[in-house]
Amino acid sequence: MYQKKSTNITQPPYPTNAQHSKGNNQHDSSDEEEVYYSLEDLVEEDIYKLKQKRAYFSIFFSLIQTLVLIAMMIKCSVAPFRINPMIGPYPDGLDYWGAKNAYKIINDGESWRLLSPILLHGGVIHLLSNITVQLDTCAFWEKEWGSACWIVIYLTSGLGSSILSVLFKPNNISVGSR
């Protein structure tokens, strides 16, 4: 559990080099109370540095993915639960919107299908689970690495997973993170 710390830090939450060199690395719990810092506190106090304060692309991709699923469900309708338990469109609707389809990628030259699955989701449950991770974990890494590095890793991962899916699951239509 996090405890509120004072706004003026006199003692860092980690042992300093001076404390190590004096041999003062034993902690006497009777004298002082142990204080825990959240990531926000560490950033606020300039103990932990992030490249940027906002995760612009994580938010942007989450918004686009949500809008694409809404448009797919309006345009292609929602499949019955026995066909799509993710509460989403019919499988042929996913294919129409650009799902990974190895036959079309290889035989029809639709190489754009290697990246388009990044924006597509099988349904509301799939979208909500991915966006939860994207707005938490991915947003953290985007703030840590910066948007340029994060977008390269994000797109490369999506492209790589599509290529592997074409190679190892050529008979499946797939969307999102495989």
C-alpha atoms as a PDB file:
ATOM      1  CA  MET A   1       0.000   0.000   0.000  1.00  0.00           C
ATOM      2  CA  TYR A   2       1.282   3.437  -0.885  1.00  0.00           C
ATOM      3  CA  GLN A   3       1.842   5.995   1.814  1.00  0.00           C
ATOM      4  CA  LYS A   4       1.731   9.714   1.241  1.00  0.00           C
ATOM      5  CA  LYS A   5       5.194  11.161   1.234  1.00  0.00           C
ATOM      6  CA  SER A   6       6.217  14.702   1.974  1.00  0.00           C
ATOM      7  CA  THR A   7       6.573  17.089  -0.941  1.00  0.00           C
ATOM      8  CA  ASN A   8      10.168  17.883   0.006  1.00  0.00           C
ATOM      9  CA  ILE A   9      12.364  14.797  -0.263  1.00  0.00           C
ATOM     10  CA  THR A  10      15.449  14.903   1.916  1.00  0.00           C
ATOM     11  CA  GLN A  11      16.225  11.172   1.878  1.00  0.00           C
ATOM     12  CA  PRO A  12      15.924   9.217  -1.391  1.00  0.00           C
ATOM     13  CA  PRO A  13      13.882   5.969  -1.294  1.00  0.00           C
ATOM     14  CA  TYR A  14      17.015   3.994  -2.190  1.00  0.00           C
ATOM     15  CA  PRO A  15      20.453   3.787  -0.533  1.00  0.00           C
ATOM     16  CA  THR A  16      22.885   6.390  -1.842  1.00  0.00           C
ATOM     17  CA  ASN A  17      26.537   5.750  -2.669  1.00  0.00           C
ATOM     18  CA  ALA A  18      27.542   7.633   0.495  1.00  0.00           C
ATOM     19  CA  GLN A  19      25.457   5.285   2.647  1.00  0.00           C
ATOM     20  CA  HIS A  20      27.022   2.249   0.968  1.00  0.00           C
ATOM     21  CA  SER A  21      30.570   3.538   1.390  1.00  0.00           C
ATOM     22  CA  LYS A  22      30.012   4.215   5.112  1.00  0.00           C
ATOM     23  CA  GLY A  23      28.639   0.713   5.568  1.00  0.00           C
ATOM     24  CA  ASN A  24      25.330   2.217   6.638  1.00  0.00           C
ATOM     25  CA  ASN A  25      23.177  -0.073   4.543  1.00  0.00           C
ATOM     26  CA  GLN A  26      21.407  -1.678   7.485  1.00  0.00           C
ATOM     27  CA  HIS A  27      17.921  -0.338   8.005  1.00  0.00           C
ATOM     28  CA  ASP A  28      16.768   0.439  11.528  1.00  0.00           C
ATOM     29  CA  SER A  29      12.985   0.108  11.361  1.00  0.00           C
ATOM     30  CA  SER A  30      12.496   1.492  14.870  1.00  0.00           C
ATOM     31  CA  ASP A  31      13.718   4.984  13.922  1.00  0.00           C
ATOM     32  CA  GLU A  32      11.821   5.685  10.731  1.00  0.00           C
ATOM     33  CA  GLU A  33       8.737   4.446   8.945  1.00  0.00           C
ATOM     34  CA  GLU A  34       9.191   2.731   5.583  1.00  0.00           C
ATOM     35  CA  VAL A  35       7.806   4.863   2.737  1.00  0.00           C
ATOM     36  CA  TYR A  36       6.643   3.503  -0.601  1.00  0.00           C
ATOM     37  CA  TYR A  37       6.502   5.585  -3.760  1.00  0.00           C
ATOM     38  CA  SER A  38       4.146   5.131  -6.684  1.00  0.00           C
ATOM     39  CA  LEU A  39       5.450   5.585 -10.227  1.00  0.00           C
ATOM     40  CA  GLU A  40       3.622   8.918 -10.390  1.00  0.00           C
ATOM     41  CA  ASP A  41       5.410  10.071  -7.213  1.00  0.00           C
ATOM     42  CA  LEU A  42       8.791   9.017  -8.586  1.00  0.00           C
ATOM     43  CA  VAL A  43       8.167  10.907 -11.830  1.00  0.00           C
ATOM     44  CA  GLU A  44       6.835  13.951  -9.995  1.00  0.00           C
ATOM     45  CA  GLU A  45       9.923  14.120  -7.774  1.00  0.00           C
ATOM     46  CA  ASP A  46      12.307  13.646 -10.729  1.00  0.00           C
ATOM     47  CA  ILE A  47      13.621  10.383  -9.290  1.00  0.00           C
ATOM     48  CA  TYR A  48      12.367   8.452 -12.320  1.00  0.00           C
ATOM     49  CA  LYS A  49      12.442  10.086 -15.747  1.00  0.00           C
ATOM     50  CA  LEU A  50      10.008   9.378 -18.592  1.00  0.00           C
ATOM     51  CA  LYS A  51      10.587  10.512 -22.170  1.00  0.00           C
ATOM     52  CA  GLN A  52       7.108  12.022 -22.399  1.00  0.00           C
ATOM     53  CA  LYS A  53       4.088  12.676 -20.187  1.00  0.00           C
ATOM     54  CA  ARG A  54       1.342  11.356 -22.511  1.00  0.00           C
ATOM     55  CA  ALA A  55       0.917   8.176 -24.543  1.00  0.00           C
ATOM     56  CA  TYR A  56      -0.507   9.733 -27.682  1.00  0.00           C
ATOM     57  CA  PHE A  57      -0.346   6.738 -30.013  1.00  0.00           C
ATOM     58  CA  SER A  58      -1.731   4.269 -27.459  1.00  0.00           C
ATOM     59  CA  ILE A  59      -4.743   6.525 -27.020  1.00  0.00           C
ATOM     60  CA  PHE A  60      -5.021   7.144 -30.783  1.00  0.00           C
ATOM     61  CA  PHE A  61      -4.888   3.436 -31.677  1.00  0.00           C
ATOM     62  CA  SER A  62      -7.445   2.602 -28.972  1.00  0.00           C
ATOM     63  CA  LEU A  63      -9.818   5.230 -30.334  1.00  0.00           C
ATOM     64  CA  ILE A  64      -9.400   4.092 -33.953  1.00  0.00           C
ATOM     65  CA  GLN A  65      -9.851   0.421 -33.009  1.00  0.00           C
ATOM     66  CA  THR A  66     -13.059   1.266 -31.141  1.00  0.00           C
ATOM     67  CA  LEU A  67     -14.435   3.291 -34.053  1.00  0.00           C
ATOM     68  CA  VAL A  68     -13.553   0.540 -36.554  1.00  0.00           C
ATOM     69  CA  LEU A  69     -15.368  -2.110 -34.484  1.00  0.00           C
ATOM     70  CA  ILE A  70     -18.435   0.107 -34.125  1.00  0.00           C
ATOM     71  CA  ALA A  71     -18.458   0.728 -37.891  1.00  0.00           C
ATOM     72  CA  MET A  72     -18.021  -3.003 -38.598  1.00  0.00           C
ATOM     73  CA  MET A  73     -20.899  -3.911 -36.301  1.00  0.00           C
ATOM     74  CA  ILE A  74     -23.173  -1.282 -37.867  1.00  0.00           C
ATOM     75  CA  LYS A  75     -22.252  -2.155 -41.455  1.00  0.00           C
ATOM     76  CA  CYS A  76     -22.023  -5.969 -41.114  1.00  0.00           C
ATOM     77  CA  SER A  77     -24.361  -6.509 -38.126  1.00  0.00           C
ATOM     78  CA  VAL A  78     -23.618  -8.535 -35.015  1.00  0.00           C
ATOM     79  CA  ALA A  79     -23.296 -12.298 -35.390  1.00  0.00           C
ATOM     80  CA  PRO A  80     -25.232 -14.604 -33.072  1.00  0.00           C
ATOM     81  CA  PHE A  81     -23.332 -15.747 -29.975  1.00  0.00           C
ATOM     82  CA  ARG A  82     -22.960 -19.303 -31.315  1.00  0.00           C
ATOM     83  CA  ILE A  83     -21.098 -17.933 -34.369  1.00  0.00           C
ATOM     84  CA  ASN A  84     -19.066 -15.189 -32.675  1.00  0.00           C
ATOM     85  CA  PRO A  85     -18.905 -15.503 -28.870  1.00  0.00           C
ATOM     86  CA  MET A  86     -16.866 -12.269 -28.712  1.00  0.00           C
ATOM     87  CA  ILE A  87     -20.057 -10.281 -29.470  1.00  0.00           C
ATOM     88  CA  GLY A  88     -18.927  -8.978 -32.836  1.00  0.00           C
ATOM     89  CA  PRO A  89     -19.443  -9.184 -36.588  1.00  0.00           C
ATOM     90  CA  TYR A  90     -19.685 -12.287 -38.766  1.00  0.00           C
ATOM     91  CA  PRO A  91     -16.370 -13.868 -39.887  1.00  0.00           C
ATOM     92  CA  ASP A  92     -16.980 -12.823 -43.520  1.00  0.00           C
ATOM     93  CA  GLY A  93     -17.377  -9.231 -42.271  1.00  0.00           C
ATOM     94  CA  LEU A  94     -13.961  -9.462 -40.620  1.00  0.00           C
ATOM     95  CA  ASP A  95     -12.521 -10.737 -43.902  1.00  0.00           C
ATOM     96  CA  TYR A  96     -14.234  -7.927 -45.837  1.00  0.00           C
ATOM     97  CA  TRP A  97     -12.699  -5.319 -43.488  1.00  0.00           C
ATOM     98  CA  GLY A  98      -9.143  -6.677 -43.895  1.00  0.00           C
ATOM     99  CA  ALA A  99      -8.566  -9.619 -41.558  1.00  0.00           C
ATOM    100  CA  LYS A 100      -5.464 -11.738 -42.112  1.00  0.00           C
ATOM    101  CA  ASN A 101      -6.354 -14.093 -44.944  1.00  0.00           C
ATOM    102  CA  ALA A 102      -3.302 -16.027 -46.177  1.00  0.00           C
ATOM    103  CA  TYR A 103      -4.904 -16.964 -49.504  1.00  0.00           C
ATOM    104  CA  LYS A 104      -5.652 -13.326 -50.388  1.00  0.00           C
ATOM    105  CA  ILE A 105      -2.243 -12.151 -49.168  1.00  0.00           C
ATOM    106  CA  ILE A 106      -0.321 -14.735 -51.211  1.00  0.00           C
ATOM    107  CA  ASN A 107      -2.485 -15.288 -54.293  1.00  0.00           C
ATOM    108  CA  ASP A 108      -4.204 -11.908 -54.698  1.00  0.00           C
ATOM    109  CA  GLY A 109      -1.266  -9.738 -53.602  1.00  0.00           C
ATOM    110  CA  GLU A 110      -3.209  -8.065 -50.769  1.00  0.00           C
ATOM    111  CA  SER A 111      -0.118  -7.432 -48.645  1.00  0.00           C
ATOM    112  CA  TRP A 112      -1.909  -4.608 -46.789  1.00  0.00           C
ATOM    113  CA  ARG A 113      -3.695  -7.420 -44.908  1.00  0.00           C
ATOM    114  CA  LEU A 114      -0.478  -7.977 -42.960  1.00  0.00           C
ATOM    115  CA  LEU A 115      -1.001  -4.681 -41.076  1.00  0.00           C
ATOM    116  CA  SER A 116      -4.771  -4.134 -41.170  1.00  0.00           C
ATOM    117  CA  PRO A 117      -5.541  -6.763 -38.481  1.00  0.00           C
ATOM    118  CA  ILE A 118      -3.931  -4.413 -35.940  1.00  0.00           C
ATOM    119  CA  LEU A 119      -7.021  -2.213 -36.186  1.00  0.00           C
ATOM    120  CA  LEU A 120      -9.572  -5.052 -36.200  1.00  0.00           C
ATOM    121  CA  HIS A 121     -11.077  -7.019 -33.323  1.00  0.00           C
ATOM    122  CA  GLY A 122     -13.330 -10.063 -33.237  1.00  0.00           C
ATOM    123  CA  GLY A 123     -15.864  -8.372 -30.986  1.00  0.00           C
ATOM    124  CA  VAL A 124     -16.555  -6.234 -27.956  1.00  0.00           C
ATOM    125  CA  ILE A 125     -14.910  -8.657 -25.489  1.00  0.00           C
ATOM    126  CA  HIS A 126     -11.757  -8.876 -27.629  1.00  0.00           C
ATOM    127  CA  LEU A 127     -11.640  -5.086 -28.016  1.00  0.00           C
ATOM    128  CA  LEU A 128     -12.148  -4.343 -24.309  1.00  0.00           C
ATOM    129  CA  SER A 129      -9.451  -6.801 -23.218  1.00  0.00           C
ATOM    130  CA  ASN A 130      -6.941  -5.443 -25.748  1.00  0.00           C
ATOM    131  CA  ILE A 131      -7.692  -1.791 -25.029  1.00  0.00           C
ATOM    132  CA  THR A 132      -7.331  -2.389 -21.292  1.00  0.00           C
ATOM    133  CA  VAL A 133      -3.798  -3.665 -21.840  1.00  0.00           C
ATOM    134  CA  GLN A 134      -3.069  -1.037 -24.495  1.00  0.00           C
ATOM    135  CA  LEU A 135      -4.089   1.895 -22.301  1.00  0.00           C
ATOM    136  CA  ASP A 136      -2.218   0.538 -19.299  1.00  0.00           C
ATOM    137  CA  THR A 137       0.896  -1.395 -20.288  1.00  0.00           C
ATOM    138  CA  CYS A 138       1.413  -0.073 -23.820  1.00  0.00           C
ATOM    139  CA  ALA A 139       0.841   3.494 -22.661  1.00  0.00           C
ATOM    140  CA  PHE A 140       3.493   3.038 -19.978  1.00  0.00           C
ATOM    141  CA  TRP A 141       6.039   1.801 -22.532  1.00  0.00           C
ATOM    142  CA  GLU A 142       5.175   4.608 -24.929  1.00  0.00           C
ATOM    143  CA  LYS A 143       5.860   7.165 -22.176  1.00  0.00           C
ATOM    144  CA  GLU A 144       9.042   5.289 -21.239  1.00  0.00           C
ATOM    145  CA  TRP A 145      10.462   4.881 -24.773  1.00  0.00           C
ATOM    146  CA  GLY A 146       8.858   7.801 -26.597  1.00  0.00           C
ATOM    147  CA  SER A 147       6.238   7.657 -29.348  1.00  0.00           C
ATOM    148  CA  ALA A 148       8.635   7.107 -32.254  1.00  0.00           C
ATOM    149  CA  CYS A 149      10.264   4.031 -30.736  1.00  0.00           C
ATOM    150  CA  TRP A 150       6.925   2.682 -29.481  1.00  0.00           C
ATOM    151  CA  ILE A 151       5.183   2.986 -32.866  1.00  0.00           C
ATOM    152  CA  VAL A 152       8.050   1.143 -34.590  1.00  0.00           C
ATOM    153  CA  ILE A 153       7.846  -1.694 -32.051  1.00  0.00           C
ATOM    154  CA  TYR A 154       4.020  -1.769 -32.199  1.00  0.00           C
ATOM    155  CA  LEU A 155       3.844  -1.939 -36.005  1.00  0.00           C
ATOM    156  CA  THR A 156       6.772  -4.371 -36.285  1.00  0.00           C
ATOM    157  CA  SER A 157       5.121  -6.680 -33.750  1.00  0.00           C
ATOM    158  CA  GLY A 158       1.830  -6.527 -35.650  1.00  0.00           C
ATOM    159  CA  LEU A 159       3.544  -7.220 -38.962  1.00  0.00           C
ATOM    160  CA  GLY A 160       5.625 -10.040 -37.487  1.00  0.00           C
ATOM    161  CA  SER A 161       2.625 -11.725 -35.893  1.00  0.00           C
ATOM    162  CA  SER A 162       0.714 -11.521 -39.185  1.00  0.00           C
ATOM    163  CA  ILE A 163       3.622 -13.078 -41.095  1.00  0.00           C
ATOM    164  CA  LEU A 164       3.908 -15.891 -38.545  1.00  0.00           C
ATOM    165  CA  SER A 165       0.151 -16.401 -38.677  1.00  0.00           C
ATOM    166  CA  VAL A 166       0.281 -16.688 -42.477  1.00  0.00           C
ATOM    167  CA  LEU A 167       3.069 -19.262 -42.179  1.00  0.00           C
ATOM    168  CA  PHE A 168       1.714 -21.387 -39.320  1.00  0.00           C
ATOM    169  CA  LYS A 169      -2.064 -20.851 -39.539  1.00  0.00           C
ATOM    170  CA  PRO A 170      -2.718 -20.261 -43.242  1.00  0.00           C
ATOM    171  CA  ASN A 171      -6.282 -21.626 -43.144  1.00  0.00           C
ATOM    172  CA  ASN A 172      -7.471 -19.255 -40.398  1.00  0.00           C
ATOM    173  CA  ILE A 173      -8.829 -15.752 -40.743  1.00  0.00           C
ATOM    174  CA  SER A 174      -7.514 -13.734 -37.807  1.00  0.00           C
ATOM    175  CA  VAL A 175      -7.628 -10.205 -36.394  1.00  0.00           C
ATOM    176  CA  GLY A 176      -5.997  -8.276 -33.559  1.00  0.00           C
ATOM    177  CA  SER A 177      -3.030  -9.696 -31.737  1.00  0.00           C
ATOM    178  CA  ARG A 178      -2.700 -13.333 -32.630  1.00  0.00           C
END
